[in-house]
Protein backbone atom coordinates (compact mmCIF):
# COMPACT_ATOMS: atom_id res chain seq x y z
CA MET A 1 73.57 127.82 62.30
CA LYS A 2 70.02 128.87 63.08
CA ARG A 3 67.49 127.12 65.28
CA GLY A 4 65.09 124.69 63.63
CA TRP A 5 64.42 121.07 62.78
CA VAL A 6 66.66 118.94 60.55
CA ILE A 7 66.46 115.41 59.11
CA LYS A 8 69.35 113.27 60.34
CA VAL A 9 70.40 109.95 58.83
CA CYS A 10 72.87 107.33 60.00
CA GLN A 11 74.28 104.37 58.10
CA ASN A 12 74.38 102.03 61.08
CA ARG A 13 72.60 102.61 64.37
CA ASN A 14 74.58 99.94 66.25
CA THR A 15 78.05 101.44 65.74
CA TYR A 16 79.29 104.99 65.60
CA ILE A 17 79.41 106.25 62.05
CA LYS A 18 79.27 109.95 61.25
CA ASP A 19 75.77 111.37 61.03
CA TYR A 20 74.65 113.11 57.88
CA TYR A 21 71.83 115.56 57.32
CA TYR A 22 69.41 116.04 54.43
CA SER A 23 70.42 119.04 52.33
CA GLY A 24 67.00 119.53 50.72
CA SER A 25 67.79 118.11 47.30
CA ILE A 26 67.66 114.81 45.45
CA TYR A 27 69.09 113.53 42.18
CA ARG A 28 68.18 110.78 39.75
CA HIS A 29 70.61 108.16 38.48
CA LEU A 30 69.58 105.21 36.28
CA GLY A 31 65.94 105.68 37.20
CA GLU A 32 66.49 105.67 40.98
CA TYR A 33 66.21 108.75 43.20
CA TYR A 34 68.92 109.50 45.75
CA GLY A 35 68.91 112.07 48.53
CA VAL A 36 71.82 114.44 49.00
CA PHE A 37 73.05 114.09 52.59
CA GLN A 38 75.88 116.26 53.87
CA ASP A 39 77.39 117.72 57.03
CA ILE A 40 75.33 119.77 59.47
CA ASP A 41 76.52 123.03 57.88
CA GLU A 42 74.70 122.19 54.64
CA ALA A 43 71.50 120.82 56.23
CA LYS A 44 68.07 122.11 55.28
CA VAL A 45 66.47 123.65 58.37
CA TYR A 46 62.70 123.33 58.78
CA THR A 47 60.67 125.83 60.79
CA SER A 48 58.52 123.25 62.59
CA GLN A 49 58.72 119.66 63.67
CA LYS A 50 55.58 118.78 61.69
CA ARG A 51 57.10 120.06 58.43
CA ALA A 52 60.30 118.12 59.07
CA VAL A 53 58.40 114.91 59.85
CA ASN A 54 56.23 115.25 56.74
CA ALA A 55 59.31 115.84 54.57
CA MET A 56 61.07 112.85 56.15
CA GLU A 57 58.12 110.53 55.47
CA LYS A 58 57.96 111.60 51.82
CA LEU A 59 61.73 111.24 51.53
CA LYS A 60 61.64 107.67 52.92
CA VAL A 61 59.25 106.68 50.16
CA ARG A 62 61.05 108.48 47.36
CA VAL A 63 64.79 107.96 47.90
CA TRP A 64 66.58 104.67 47.69
CA ASN A 65 69.86 105.20 49.53
CA TRP A 66 68.69 105.89 53.11
CA ASP A 67 65.86 104.71 55.28
CA ALA A 68 67.18 105.17 58.85
CA MET A 69 66.09 108.78 59.38
CA GLU A 70 64.98 110.85 62.34
CA VAL A 71 64.02 114.45 62.98
CA GLU A 72 66.26 116.37 65.35
CA LEU A 73 66.00 119.83 66.92
CA LEU A 74 68.92 122.04 65.98
CA GLU A 75 69.49 124.80 68.48
CA ASP A 76 71.01 128.18 67.76
CA GLU A 77 74.78 128.21 68.44
CA GLU A 78 74.56 131.17 70.82
CA GLU A 79 71.77 129.51 72.84
CA TRP A 80 73.72 126.26 73.01
CA LYS A 81 76.93 127.95 74.22
CA THR A 82 75.13 129.70 77.08
CA LYS A 83 73.70 126.44 78.51
């Protein structure tokens, strides 16, 4: 996994439920738009925090199924292991 910024979503902030990450795609069903959120391995990685925040704000307006989103820095695996 490379270093960059990802959009993380969580179903419930008060209890521990697995976090999901925006994969970069949406789909339409019965006139409503839904984001595709998957595990960290399938997450879309943004090159800057500003791009990730802008994408997250547009996504909050467009998709129906999630609204609790945040931008998170994803570090390179090799860098993380050496810390």
